[in-house]
């Protein structure tokens, strides 16, 4: 019965996609999906033999030397052998492995094995520690052995991709980066058959406070490591998370390599298997986040997030409470508007807001009567009258001119807020100096996701992260459960600094219906501000799942024109979202792997 139900759901989704996107586009997406499912999983993240051969022929001594630093402690002999072998067979031989061994007397085989290896190569350095000082102290001892100009940290039971040292050193040489990190994969017994890949965004500071998404493989300048004080034993359990904060705070250039360079073994007791294996990790992580906030002058503190190993920053809000102006365009549809306003006024806990309903060409007599009664029922509500045809951008720009708040909220009339402190959640982020706009988590009425951030490039232009995923899901690498850096967020519920709105010239009125929010957010980011999504401000968006695109007549011509304008303004940047990953598909919104992984 369960399989029949699942099959029925798949057919329903398939025909829904046909209705929304057309048969050709739907078949293309389905074909890409089948290619991913049918492709052999064995070695799917590894570079080809020819590529590895070319790397071995390269003069890697022209690259900075890379030192892999690892603490050993009672390491399983099989795991240790696999790890060391993965280093010895690196395509870049201008690299070294620095090992600090705190194994007890019952595990002398660890040191004996390394001694045998050192007789065969001078690329391995080793020190036997008298005492086990813990992961940070032991790893710092390994770093003291390093002669390379860049360091990288690796666990004693994991595996390096054969081109890990090559890719890191090459990127360091080409970019001069202070800090670099790569994608990774998880495996149990055979790294050639990984469970999954972790395909990460480029540097995303809000995401890093929500969880340690960087993990492995990270490399950094040796002097930066020692200037930052190395690993701090006070944060053991989340020592890497703490270190990444301190290094990225100092780094002038941070580079992400969208390649799987590290294989993280999942076994009992490893953090790759879940934070439940090591409960003290959460306390150490929150302590590290608080220290990071204090160093960077951010007033706030960390609390546990929606899932284990995720975290949330509770920001101190500006005082006195700044005025927030909520702009709601409306034409008739008073039932929708009443639901929107009723939820807004009955649930919102923030004390200082005004609501500007922007009337646009309503034709029903009931609408005018509603406008006359609403200000008496809802405090600080005004009805503005925009003259002209429907133009979402122009209507909001008109409303902004009348708004008195330091912060604006663009809100659709078919949105019903769910989170009582939604303004506080968005304002805490939006009030940070580097933030320009903040988007919210929006659900369809059936409790599937309508919006959780916008990714440029999806479908050729832009699409919503995790669209149609179930409410309450953690998402890909916790991307539904943590505050996120995104290129864009929907204007259906978007908070913006009024000063930033003015600085970028508001919404471009050439985008009358489509892509105005995408263009607006890209302009905000171009001006140097971040666009942030928070899952902690939630609402229903009663937009129909079957609404589809404008595909006929005048509406199609307008849509095609706005789409062409977006591409003209932003070009190839639309296809290279820094907060996505080129290893992930552009055909669907579910963070699945691309049918063919990109090559150099």
Foldseek 3Di string as FASTA:
>chain_A
DVVVVVVVVVVVVLVLCCLFPNDVLSVVLVVQVVLQVPDDLFQQQADDPVVLVVLLVDPLVVFFEEEEFEEAELDDVVLQVQAVVLVVLASRPSYAYFYEYAYDPVRCVVVVVVVVVCVVDVRYHYDYDPHPPAGQVRRVVSLVPDPTQKYKYDYSRWHFHNHLRVVVRVCCVVPVWQKEAEKAFEPADDLSNTPDILFFFFDWVQVLLFFPSRPPTMMGGSVLCVVLPGFDPLLRLCRVSLSVLSSVVPIPGYYYHHGHGIYHHDDQLDCVVPCVSPVCNVVSSQVSSQVSCVVVVFAWGWDDFLDGRTIDTQGDFDPPHWEEEEEEEDAPPVVLLVLAQVLCVVQAPDDHYAYEYEYEDHDDPVVVVCQVCVCVVDPRYHYHYDDDHFFPQVSVVVVLVVDDTQKYKQAYSNKRWDHRHLVSVFRSVQVPPQAFKEAEFEAAPVQFTDAQAKAFQQVHGIDHARGRHHHPDCARVSSLTGKTWFLFGDSNTMMGRSVLCVVLPTFDRLRRDPPSRNVSSNSSVVVRHIYIYDHNTYIYRHDDSSPHAQCDDPRNVSVVVVRVVSCVVQPPVSNCISRAGQQADSSDNRRHGGSRRDDD
